[in-house]
Amino acid sequence: MPLDNPRLGVFMMIIFCVFAPASDALVKVLGDSIPLLQVLIARFAAQLFLIRRKTWTTRHETWKRRDLIGLIILRSILHLIAIGFFFLALRYLPLADALAIAYVLPFFILGVGWFSGEKATPLVLSLCTLGFVGTLLVVQPSFAKVGWPATLPILVAAIFTGFMFITRKISKHIDPIDLQAINGVCVLAILLPIAWFGKTAEISMLTMVAIDSFELLCLIGVGVLGTIAHLMMTWSLRFASAPTVAPVQYLEIPFGALFGWIIFSDLPNGLAAFGIILTMAAGLLVLHFSKT
């Protein structure tokens, strides 16, 4: 079992913060032209085949971990639901806004950590309250503009909290590469039958469509960049606790804003911009004052 190395865990989470919004930007580029189910299948198929093509043979011992297999399956389900809801939110919200709203996540994590023994200091909890206020400032104009989809990133954050704590629990016992590959197996075992049913029942939103070369490149990019990002996240939780690395994820917001500006010419305005700045400032201060 590897020893904790908080600095290495933080560094890996920073890599996640670069690659994850890049993958999300490609999802937004695809927009409504491809069914969400098809995007998710591409995302997790890449995660499986790029990482470990021989999961069923050379790493079959992982499937025999009866003490962990239930958590592995639950982690995969949470991962699928969280990414699915976030990809759906990107069809309605600017990239930076969606990321900023989702960054109520560290508050959830620190709150759960408080009850699980990984407690934060009163100063850190106060900063989290400030960051939560910033998140609400981002939600308000987004909700006024698009309605209920503005709340999807909050739901993503709640689901991802459970995902991160489960990852922390099992990542010291299973190699992160194997864990990501098995995650791909579990999710595809859910998605492919849904796709078959959608085609059989002629349900348009569950039926995969033909794609052109540009859309194919975007789907490949979503899979490759997303796989690298979440592999880095898994590795980060192998070396550091969730409350330690969670605040680092605030760095995903400026990278998301950068990609949004370059690709879509989207920049947060007014109240949303102030909320993003407030949320980021609180998160970075939490990182500074948290024990590592």
Protein backbone atom coordinates (compact mmCIF):
# COMPACT_ATOMS: atom_id res chain seq x y z
CA MET A 1 0.00 0.00 0.00
CA PRO A 2 1.57 3.32 -1.07
CA LEU A 3 2.28 6.00 1.52
CA ASP A 4 0.48 9.35 1.40
CA ASN A 5 2.28 12.05 -0.58
CA PRO A 6 0.03 15.16 -0.49
CA ARG A 7 2.25 17.24 -2.77
CA LEU A 8 2.24 14.59 -5.47
CA GLY A 9 -1.51 14.20 -5.05
CA VAL A 10 -1.99 17.96 -5.47
CA PHE A 11 0.22 18.02 -8.58
CA MET A 12 -1.81 15.25 -10.20
CA MET A 13 -5.03 17.08 -9.41
CA ILE A 14 -3.64 20.17 -11.18
CA ILE A 15 -3.11 18.04 -14.31
CA PHE A 16 -6.74 16.96 -13.99
CA CYS A 17 -7.76 20.62 -13.90
CA VAL A 18 -6.17 21.19 -17.31
CA PHE A 19 -7.41 18.13 -19.18
CA ALA A 20 -10.95 17.84 -17.78
CA PRO A 21 -12.23 21.22 -19.06
CA ALA A 22 -10.54 20.56 -22.40
CA SER A 23 -12.62 17.38 -22.71
CA ASP A 24 -15.74 19.26 -21.57
CA ALA A 25 -15.13 21.94 -24.21
CA LEU A 26 -15.24 19.28 -26.93
CA VAL A 27 -18.53 17.98 -25.51
CA LYS A 28 -19.92 21.48 -25.81
CA VAL A 29 -18.60 21.75 -29.38
CA LEU A 30 -20.65 18.68 -30.27
CA GLY A 31 -23.74 20.32 -28.76
CA ASP A 32 -27.05 18.64 -29.63
CA SER A 33 -25.82 17.08 -32.88
CA ILE A 34 -25.01 13.76 -31.22
CA PRO A 35 -27.20 12.03 -28.59
CA LEU A 36 -25.83 12.24 -25.05
CA LEU A 37 -25.82 8.44 -24.81
CA GLN A 38 -23.47 8.21 -27.80
CA VAL A 39 -21.07 10.77 -26.29
CA LEU A 40 -21.00 8.81 -23.02
CA ILE A 41 -20.31 5.54 -24.82
CA ALA A 42 -17.39 7.12 -26.67
CA ARG A 43 -16.07 8.59 -23.43
CA PHE A 44 -16.04 5.34 -21.48
CA ALA A 45 -15.06 3.11 -24.40
CA ALA A 46 -11.90 5.18 -24.75
CA GLN A 47 -11.30 4.85 -21.01
CA LEU A 48 -11.42 1.07 -21.31
CA PHE A 49 -9.52 0.42 -24.52
CA LEU A 50 -6.86 3.10 -24.13
CA ILE A 51 -5.89 2.08 -20.63
CA ARG A 52 -6.14 -1.67 -20.34
CA ARG A 53 -7.18 -3.85 -23.23
CA LYS A 54 -6.57 -7.07 -21.28
CA THR A 55 -8.64 -6.30 -18.20
CA TRP A 56 -10.50 -9.58 -18.50
CA THR A 57 -7.34 -11.72 -18.56
CA THR A 58 -4.14 -10.28 -17.15
CA ARG A 59 -5.93 -8.40 -14.37
CA HIS A 60 -8.71 -10.86 -13.63
CA GLU A 61 -7.68 -11.02 -9.96
CA THR A 62 -9.26 -7.61 -9.42
CA TRP A 63 -12.70 -9.07 -10.11
CA LYS A 64 -12.12 -11.53 -7.28
CA ARG A 65 -11.87 -8.78 -4.67
CA ARG A 66 -15.21 -9.51 -3.06
CA ASP A 67 -14.50 -6.95 -0.37
CA LEU A 68 -14.20 -4.20 -3.00
CA ILE A 69 -16.25 -5.24 -6.03
CA GLY A 70 -19.44 -3.67 -4.67
CA LEU A 71 -17.67 -0.34 -4.16
CA ILE A 72 -16.10 -0.58 -7.63
CA ILE A 73 -19.52 -1.03 -9.24
CA LEU A 74 -21.06 1.76 -7.15
CA ARG A 75 -18.16 4.06 -8.07
CA SER A 76 -18.76 3.34 -11.77
CA ILE A 77 -22.48 4.10 -11.49
CA LEU A 78 -21.82 7.38 -9.68
CA HIS A 79 -19.19 8.32 -12.28
CA LEU A 80 -21.61 7.66 -15.14
CA ILE A 81 -24.45 9.65 -13.58
CA ALA A 82 -22.22 12.59 -12.66
CA ILE A 83 -20.61 12.87 -16.09
CA GLY A 84 -23.96 12.39 -17.81
CA PHE A 85 -25.57 15.23 -15.87
CA PHE A 86 -22.58 17.50 -16.42
CA PHE A 87 -22.51 16.83 -20.17
CA LEU A 88 -26.24 17.64 -20.22
CA ALA A 89 -25.61 20.90 -18.33
CA LEU A 90 -23.02 21.91 -20.94
CA ARG A 91 -25.77 21.97 -23.56
CA TYR A 92 -27.39 24.86 -21.70
CA LEU A 93 -24.65 26.70 -19.78
CA PRO A 94 -21.35 28.38 -20.67
CA LEU A 95 -18.40 26.16 -19.77
CA ALA A 96 -17.03 28.45 -17.04
CA ASP A 97 -20.46 28.88 -15.43
CA ALA A 98 -21.12 25.13 -15.36
CA LEU A 99 -17.72 24.48 -13.78
CA ALA A 100 -18.12 27.27 -11.23
CA ILE A 101 -21.52 26.00 -10.10
CA ALA A 102 -20.17 22.45 -9.83
CA TYR A 103 -17.50 23.72 -7.48
CA VAL A 104 -19.80 23.52 -4.57
CA LEU A 105 -18.12 20.05 -4.63
CA PRO A 106 -15.26 20.86 -2.19
CA PHE A 107 -17.79 22.17 0.32
CA PHE A 108 -19.65 18.87 0.17
CA ILE A 109 -16.40 16.94 0.48
CA LEU A 110 -15.14 18.94 3.44
CA GLY A 111 -18.53 18.58 5.09
CA VAL A 112 -18.53 14.81 4.67
CA GLY A 113 -14.88 14.74 5.73
CA TRP A 114 -15.83 16.48 8.97
CA PHE A 115 -18.08 13.56 9.91
CA SER A 116 -15.67 10.89 8.66
CA GLY A 117 -12.70 12.11 10.71
CA GLU A 118 -10.84 14.14 8.06
CA LYS A 119 -11.78 17.42 9.68
CA ALA A 120 -11.10 20.90 8.40
CA THR A 121 -10.29 23.87 10.61
CA PRO A 122 -12.88 26.55 11.47
CA LEU A 123 -11.03 28.97 9.17
CA VAL A 124 -11.29 26.56 6.25
CA LEU A 125 -14.98 25.98 6.94
CA SER A 126 -15.53 29.76 6.99
CA LEU A 127 -13.78 30.08 3.64
CA CYS A 128 -15.97 27.30 2.28
CA THR A 129 -19.03 29.28 3.33
CA LEU A 130 -17.66 32.26 1.42
CA GLY A 131 -17.06 30.09 -1.61
CA PHE A 132 -20.59 28.73 -1.40
CA VAL A 133 -21.93 32.29 -1.53
CA GLY A 134 -19.86 32.78 -4.70
CA THR A 135 -21.42 29.65 -6.18
CA LEU A 136 -24.91 30.99 -5.49
CA LEU A 137 -24.00 34.22 -7.28
CA VAL A 138 -23.13 32.17 -10.38
CA VAL A 139 -26.30 30.07 -10.14
CA GLN A 140 -28.66 33.05 -9.88
CA PRO A 141 -28.16 34.64 -13.35
CA SER A 142 -27.77 31.21 -14.97
CA PHE A 143 -31.05 30.04 -13.45
CA ALA A 144 -32.79 33.19 -14.60
CA LYS A 145 -31.55 32.55 -18.14
CA VAL A 146 -31.92 28.79 -18.66
CA GLY A 147 -34.02 27.59 -15.70
CA TRP A 148 -33.60 24.20 -14.04
CA PRO A 149 -30.49 23.08 -16.05
CA ALA A 150 -28.53 25.64 -14.01
CA THR A 151 -28.95 23.39 -10.98
CA LEU A 152 -27.56 20.28 -12.70
CA PRO A 153 -23.92 21.04 -11.75
CA ILE A 154 -24.95 21.15 -8.07
CA LEU A 155 -26.37 17.65 -8.44
CA VAL A 156 -23.15 16.62 -10.18
CA ALA A 157 -21.16 17.92 -7.20
CA ALA A 158 -23.26 15.95 -4.73
CA ILE A 159 -22.84 12.73 -6.71
CA PHE A 160 -19.14 13.33 -7.27
CA THR A 161 -18.62 13.71 -3.52
CA GLY A 162 -19.54 10.07 -3.04
CA PHE A 163 -17.43 9.12 -6.05
CA MET A 164 -14.31 10.78 -4.60
CA PHE A 165 -14.63 9.22 -1.15
CA ILE A 166 -15.15 5.76 -2.65
CA THR A 167 -12.14 6.33 -4.92
CA ARG A 168 -10.04 7.29 -1.91
CA LYS A 169 -11.13 4.14 -0.09
CA ILE A 170 -10.31 1.67 -2.87
CA SER A 171 -7.49 3.38 -4.78
CA LYS A 172 -4.83 2.18 -2.34
CA HIS A 173 -5.81 -1.43 -2.97
CA ILE A 174 -6.22 -1.41 -6.77
CA ASP A 175 -3.87 0.06 -9.34
CA PRO A 176 -5.41 3.30 -10.70
CA ILE A 177 -4.99 2.14 -14.30
CA ASP A 178 -6.86 -1.08 -13.56
CA LEU A 179 -9.51 0.83 -11.64
CA GLN A 180 -10.18 3.14 -14.58
CA ALA A 181 -10.32 0.22 -17.01
CA ILE A 182 -12.76 -1.67 -14.80
CA ASN A 183 -14.79 1.50 -14.52
CA GLY A 184 -15.05 1.49 -18.31
CA VAL A 185 -16.21 -2.14 -18.31
CA CYS A 186 -18.92 -1.49 -15.72
CA VAL A 187 -20.25 1.64 -17.42
CA LEU A 188 -20.31 0.08 -20.90
CA ALA A 189 -22.17 -2.88 -19.43
CA ILE A 190 -24.86 -0.36 -18.52
CA LEU A 191 -24.81 1.86 -21.60
CA LEU A 192 -24.63 -0.69 -24.42
CA PRO A 193 -27.86 -2.52 -23.47
CA ILE A 194 -29.56 0.90 -23.23
CA ALA A 195 -28.32 1.74 -26.73
CA TRP A 196 -29.58 -1.62 -28.05
CA PHE A 197 -32.97 -1.03 -26.44
CA GLY A 198 -33.11 2.50 -27.84
CA LYS A 199 -32.45 1.27 -31.35
CA THR A 200 -34.93 -1.60 -31.05
CA ALA A 201 -37.64 0.64 -29.62
CA GLU A 202 -36.75 3.46 -32.07
CA ILE A 203 -36.23 6.00 -29.28
CA SER A 204 -34.33 8.85 -30.91
CA MET A 205 -32.53 10.11 -27.81
CA LEU A 206 -31.24 6.58 -27.14
CA THR A 207 -30.27 5.78 -30.73
CA MET A 208 -26.75 6.37 -32.00
CA VAL A 209 -26.41 8.38 -35.21
CA ALA A 210 -23.93 8.54 -38.08
CA ILE A 211 -21.12 11.04 -37.55
CA ASP A 212 -18.74 12.92 -39.82
CA SER A 213 -14.94 13.08 -39.51
CA PHE A 214 -14.97 16.24 -37.37
CA GLU A 215 -17.44 14.77 -34.90
CA LEU A 216 -15.36 11.59 -34.78
CA LEU A 217 -12.26 13.60 -33.86
CA CYS A 218 -14.23 15.42 -31.16
CA LEU A 219 -15.48 12.15 -29.70
CA ILE A 220 -11.96 10.74 -29.68
CA GLY A 221 -10.74 13.90 -27.97
CA VAL A 222 -13.49 13.66 -25.36
CA GLY A 223 -12.45 10.08 -24.61
CA VAL A 224 -8.68 10.60 -24.56
CA LEU A 225 -8.65 13.86 -22.60
CA GLY A 226 -11.33 12.68 -20.19
CA THR A 227 -9.50 9.42 -19.58
CA ILE A 228 -6.22 11.19 -18.80
CA ALA A 229 -8.00 13.66 -16.53
CA HIS A 230 -9.78 11.08 -14.42
CA LEU A 231 -6.73 8.85 -14.27
CA MET A 232 -4.89 11.80 -12.73
CA MET A 233 -7.74 12.31 -10.27
CA THR A 234 -7.64 8.65 -9.25
CA TRP A 235 -3.88 8.80 -8.78
CA SER A 236 -4.17 12.01 -6.76
CA LEU A 237 -6.56 10.30 -4.34
CA ARG A 238 -4.10 7.43 -4.05
CA PHE A 239 -1.60 9.82 -2.46
CA ALA A 240 -3.76 12.41 -0.68
CA SER A 241 -7.12 12.62 1.07
CA ALA A 242 -10.19 14.04 -0.66
CA PRO A 243 -10.32 17.17 1.58
CA THR A 244 -6.65 17.85 0.72
CA VAL A 245 -6.98 17.71 -3.07
CA ALA A 246 -10.56 18.94 -3.47
CA PRO A 247 -9.74 22.67 -3.15
CA VAL A 248 -7.14 22.34 -5.92
CA GLN A 249 -9.97 21.60 -8.33
CA TYR A 250 -10.90 25.28 -8.27
CA LEU A 251 -8.10 25.72 -10.78
CA GLU A 252 -10.38 23.99 -13.29
CA ILE A 253 -12.52 27.14 -13.40
CA PRO A 254 -9.93 29.50 -14.98
CA PHE A 255 -8.91 26.81 -17.44
CA GLY A 256 -12.59 26.32 -18.30
CA ALA A 257 -13.01 30.06 -18.74
CA LEU A 258 -9.96 30.12 -21.01
CA PHE A 259 -11.27 27.32 -23.23
CA GLY A 260 -14.72 28.92 -23.25
CA TRP A 261 -13.27 32.23 -24.36
CA ILE A 262 -11.02 30.75 -27.05
CA ILE A 263 -13.57 28.33 -28.53
CA PHE A 264 -16.98 29.89 -27.87
CA SER A 265 -16.14 33.56 -27.10
CA ASP A 266 -17.95 33.08 -23.80
CA LEU A 267 -16.91 35.18 -20.83
CA PRO A 268 -18.89 35.41 -17.57
CA ASN A 269 -20.46 38.81 -17.00
CA GLY A 270 -21.43 40.86 -13.99
CA LEU A 271 -22.73 38.88 -11.03
CA ALA A 272 -21.55 35.54 -12.42
CA ALA A 273 -18.00 36.82 -12.93
CA PHE A 274 -17.89 38.18 -9.38
CA GLY A 275 -19.22 34.87 -8.06
CA ILE A 276 -16.55 32.92 -9.95
CA ILE A 277 -13.80 35.17 -8.58
CA LEU A 278 -15.18 34.83 -5.05
CA THR A 279 -15.45 31.05 -5.35
CA MET A 280 -11.93 30.72 -6.74
CA ALA A 281 -10.44 33.01 -4.10
CA ALA A 282 -12.11 31.06 -1.30
CA GLY A 283 -10.98 27.76 -2.80
CA LEU A 284 -7.36 28.84 -3.20
CA LEU A 285 -7.30 30.17 0.36
CA VAL A 286 -8.71 26.86 1.55
CA LEU A 287 -5.83 25.16 -0.28
CA HIS A 288 -3.33 27.48 1.43
CA PHE A 289 -4.65 26.93 4.94
CA SER A 290 -5.53 23.24 4.65
CA LYS A 291 -3.21 20.73 6.22
CA THR A 292 -1.28 18.70 3.65
